[in-house]
Amino acid sequence: MSQALRNIAMHPDCIAPLRKEIEEITRHGGWTKTSIDKMYKLDSFLRETMRLDASALSSDFPTCMFAFDKPF
């Protein structure tokens, strides 16, 4: 999500079409799953963000290397 915010900040020309799409769809259907499914421009923007920065999809969180066999 932070990568998408960074991309939108780097490409302010994308803000107006995304905002227009979101406002039109939510005006008629509110914030429902069906409405969000109709946000094709937003979906394309997020997919393109993930495609361009595939490293953002991998987690760099540490992995637990031992089992917890006793409760705390």
N, C-alpha and C. Protein backbone atom coordinates (compact mmCIF):
# COMPACT_ATOMS: atom_id res chain seq x y z
N MET A 1 0.82 -1.19 0.00
CA MET A 1 0.00 0.00 0.00
C MET A 1 0.87 1.26 0.00
N SER A 2 1.96 1.23 0.74
CA SER A 2 2.82 2.41 0.77
C SER A 2 3.43 2.67 -0.60
N GLN A 3 3.71 1.61 -1.36
CA GLN A 3 4.24 1.77 -2.70
C GLN A 3 3.21 2.45 -3.60
N ALA A 4 1.94 2.10 -3.46
CA ALA A 4 0.89 2.72 -4.25
C ALA A 4 0.78 4.21 -3.92
N LEU A 5 0.88 4.54 -2.65
CA LEU A 5 0.85 5.96 -2.25
C LEU A 5 2.04 6.71 -2.81
N ARG A 6 3.20 6.08 -2.81
CA ARG A 6 4.39 6.71 -3.38
C ARG A 6 4.22 6.91 -4.88
N ASN A 7 3.67 5.91 -5.57
CA ASN A 7 3.46 6.04 -7.01
C ASN A 7 2.47 7.13 -7.35
N ILE A 8 1.43 7.25 -6.56
CA ILE A 8 0.45 8.30 -6.86
C ILE A 8 1.04 9.68 -6.58
N ALA A 9 1.93 9.77 -5.62
CA ALA A 9 2.61 11.05 -5.36
C ALA A 9 3.58 11.39 -6.49
N MET A 10 4.18 10.37 -7.09
CA MET A 10 5.12 10.58 -8.19
C MET A 10 4.39 10.86 -9.51
N HIS A 11 3.11 10.50 -9.60
CA HIS A 11 2.33 10.68 -10.82
C HIS A 11 1.02 11.39 -10.50
N PRO A 12 1.09 12.67 -10.15
CA PRO A 12 -0.13 13.39 -9.76
C PRO A 12 -1.17 13.48 -10.87
N ASP A 13 -0.78 13.23 -12.12
CA ASP A 13 -1.74 13.25 -13.21
C ASP A 13 -2.74 12.09 -13.10
N CYS A 14 -2.43 11.10 -12.30
CA CYS A 14 -3.34 9.96 -12.11
C CYS A 14 -4.42 10.24 -11.07
N ILE A 15 -4.23 11.24 -10.26
CA ILE A 15 -5.15 11.49 -9.15
C ILE A 15 -6.56 11.83 -9.64
N ALA A 16 -6.68 12.77 -10.58
CA ALA A 16 -8.00 13.22 -11.04
C ALA A 16 -8.84 12.09 -11.63
N PRO A 17 -8.30 11.27 -12.56
CA PRO A 17 -9.14 10.19 -13.09
C PRO A 17 -9.53 9.15 -12.03
N LEU A 18 -8.61 8.85 -11.12
CA LEU A 18 -8.93 7.90 -10.05
C LEU A 18 -10.00 8.47 -9.13
N ARG A 19 -9.84 9.72 -8.76
CA ARG A 19 -10.82 10.36 -7.87
C ARG A 19 -12.20 10.42 -8.53
N LYS A 20 -12.23 10.77 -9.82
CA LYS A 20 -13.50 10.86 -10.54
C LYS A 20 -14.20 9.50 -10.56
N GLU A 21 -13.44 8.46 -10.86
CA GLU A 21 -14.02 7.11 -10.89
C GLU A 21 -14.57 6.72 -9.52
N ILE A 22 -13.80 6.95 -8.48
CA ILE A 22 -14.21 6.57 -7.13
C ILE A 22 -15.44 7.36 -6.70
N GLU A 23 -15.45 8.67 -6.95
CA GLU A 23 -16.60 9.50 -6.56
C GLU A 23 -17.87 9.09 -7.29
N GLU A 24 -17.76 8.83 -8.61
CA GLU A 24 -18.95 8.43 -9.37
C GLU A 24 -19.52 7.10 -8.89
N ILE A 25 -18.65 6.14 -8.68
CA ILE A 25 -19.11 4.81 -8.29
C ILE A 25 -19.67 4.82 -6.87
N THR A 26 -19.01 5.47 -5.94
CA THR A 26 -19.51 5.49 -4.56
C THR A 26 -20.75 6.35 -4.41
N ARG A 27 -20.93 7.33 -5.28
CA ARG A 27 -22.14 8.16 -5.23
C ARG A 27 -23.38 7.30 -5.52
N HIS A 28 -23.24 6.35 -6.43
CA HIS A 28 -24.38 5.52 -6.81
C HIS A 28 -24.51 4.25 -5.95
N GLY A 29 -23.37 3.68 -5.53
CA GLY A 29 -23.46 2.40 -4.85
C GLY A 29 -22.87 2.36 -3.45
N GLY A 30 -22.30 3.49 -3.00
CA GLY A 30 -21.67 3.50 -1.69
C GLY A 30 -20.38 2.68 -1.69
N TRP A 31 -19.88 2.41 -0.51
CA TRP A 31 -18.64 1.64 -0.36
C TRP A 31 -18.99 0.17 -0.12
N THR A 32 -19.37 -0.51 -1.18
CA THR A 32 -19.68 -1.93 -1.09
C THR A 32 -18.67 -2.70 -1.92
N LYS A 33 -18.65 -4.01 -1.73
CA LYS A 33 -17.74 -4.84 -2.53
C LYS A 33 -18.07 -4.73 -4.01
N THR A 34 -19.35 -4.68 -4.33
CA THR A 34 -19.78 -4.55 -5.72
C THR A 34 -19.26 -3.25 -6.32
N SER A 35 -19.34 -2.17 -5.55
CA SER A 35 -18.84 -0.88 -6.03
C SER A 35 -17.33 -0.92 -6.23
N ILE A 36 -16.63 -1.49 -5.29
CA ILE A 36 -15.17 -1.56 -5.39
C ILE A 36 -14.77 -2.42 -6.59
N ASP A 37 -15.54 -3.46 -6.88
CA ASP A 37 -15.26 -4.31 -8.04
C ASP A 37 -15.42 -3.55 -9.36
N LYS A 38 -16.16 -2.46 -9.35
CA LYS A 38 -16.36 -1.65 -10.57
C LYS A 38 -15.28 -0.59 -10.76
N MET A 39 -14.38 -0.46 -9.82
CA MET A 39 -13.33 0.57 -9.90
C MET A 39 -12.15 0.04 -10.72
N TYR A 40 -12.34 0.03 -12.05
CA TYR A 40 -11.35 -0.57 -12.94
C TYR A 40 -10.04 0.23 -13.00
N LYS A 41 -10.15 1.55 -12.97
CA LYS A 41 -8.93 2.36 -13.02
C LYS A 41 -8.11 2.19 -11.75
N LEU A 42 -8.77 2.17 -10.62
CA LEU A 42 -8.07 1.96 -9.35
C LEU A 42 -7.41 0.58 -9.34
N ASP A 43 -8.15 -0.42 -9.79
CA ASP A 43 -7.61 -1.78 -9.85
C ASP A 43 -6.39 -1.83 -10.76
N SER A 44 -6.47 -1.18 -11.91
CA SER A 44 -5.33 -1.17 -12.85
C SER A 44 -4.13 -0.45 -12.24
N PHE A 45 -4.38 0.65 -11.54
CA PHE A 45 -3.29 1.39 -10.92
C PHE A 45 -2.59 0.53 -9.87
N LEU A 46 -3.36 -0.15 -9.04
CA LEU A 46 -2.77 -0.99 -7.99
C LEU A 46 -2.04 -2.19 -8.58
N ARG A 47 -2.60 -2.80 -9.62
CA ARG A 47 -1.93 -3.93 -10.27
C ARG A 47 -0.62 -3.51 -10.92
N GLU A 48 -0.64 -2.35 -11.56
CA GLU A 48 0.57 -1.86 -12.20
C GLU A 48 1.63 -1.53 -11.14
N THR A 49 1.21 -1.00 -10.01
CA THR A 49 2.14 -0.74 -8.91
C THR A 49 2.79 -2.04 -8.46
N MET A 50 2.00 -3.09 -8.30
CA MET A 50 2.55 -4.38 -7.87
C MET A 50 3.46 -4.98 -8.95
N ARG A 51 3.10 -4.78 -10.22
CA ARG A 51 3.92 -5.33 -11.30
C ARG A 51 5.28 -4.65 -11.35
N LEU A 52 5.28 -3.34 -11.20
CA LEU A 52 6.53 -2.59 -11.29
C LEU A 52 7.43 -2.78 -10.08
N ASP A 53 6.85 -3.06 -8.93
CA ASP A 53 7.64 -3.24 -7.73
C ASP A 53 7.29 -4.57 -7.08
N ALA A 54 7.68 -5.64 -7.75
CA ALA A 54 7.37 -6.98 -7.25
C ALA A 54 8.04 -7.26 -5.92
N SER A 55 9.12 -6.57 -5.61
CA SER A 55 9.80 -6.79 -4.34
C SER A 55 8.93 -6.37 -3.16
N ALA A 56 7.96 -5.49 -3.39
CA ALA A 56 7.07 -5.07 -2.31
C ALA A 56 6.14 -6.20 -1.89
N LEU A 57 5.99 -7.21 -2.74
CA LEU A 57 5.11 -8.32 -2.41
C LEU A 57 5.77 -9.32 -1.48
N SER A 58 7.09 -9.37 -1.48
CA SER A 58 7.78 -10.31 -0.59
C SER A 58 7.94 -9.68 0.78
N SER A 59 7.86 -10.50 1.78
CA SER A 59 8.01 -9.96 3.13
C SER A 59 9.44 -10.11 3.59
N ASP A 60 9.91 -9.11 4.25
CA ASP A 60 11.26 -9.15 4.82
C ASP A 60 11.20 -9.32 6.33
N PHE A 61 10.09 -9.86 6.80
CA PHE A 61 9.94 -10.05 8.23
C PHE A 61 10.77 -11.26 8.67
N PRO A 62 11.32 -11.21 9.86
CA PRO A 62 12.10 -12.35 10.33
C PRO A 62 11.22 -13.59 10.50
N THR A 63 11.80 -14.73 10.25
CA THR A 63 11.09 -16.00 10.36
C THR A 63 11.47 -16.66 11.67
N CYS A 64 10.48 -17.21 12.33
CA CYS A 64 10.72 -17.92 13.57
C CYS A 64 11.46 -19.22 13.25
N MET A 65 12.57 -19.46 13.91
CA MET A 65 13.39 -20.63 13.61
C MET A 65 13.26 -21.73 14.66
N PHE A 66 12.32 -21.58 15.60
CA PHE A 66 12.12 -22.63 16.62
C PHE A 66 10.65 -22.70 16.97
N ALA A 67 10.25 -23.82 17.51
CA ALA A 67 8.85 -24.02 17.87
C ALA A 67 8.59 -23.58 19.31
N PHE A 68 7.44 -23.06 19.54
CA PHE A 68 7.02 -22.70 20.89
C PHE A 68 6.29 -23.90 21.48
N ASP A 69 6.94 -24.62 22.37
CA ASP A 69 6.28 -25.79 22.95
C ASP A 69 5.79 -25.54 24.37
N LYS A 70 6.07 -24.37 24.93
CA LYS A 70 5.59 -24.05 26.28
C LYS A 70 4.84 -22.72 26.21
N PRO A 71 3.68 -22.65 26.85
CA PRO A 71 2.95 -21.37 26.87
C PRO A 71 3.70 -20.37 27.75
N PHE A 72 3.47 -19.14 27.50
CA PHE A 72 4.15 -18.08 28.26
C PHE A 72 3.50 -17.83 29.58
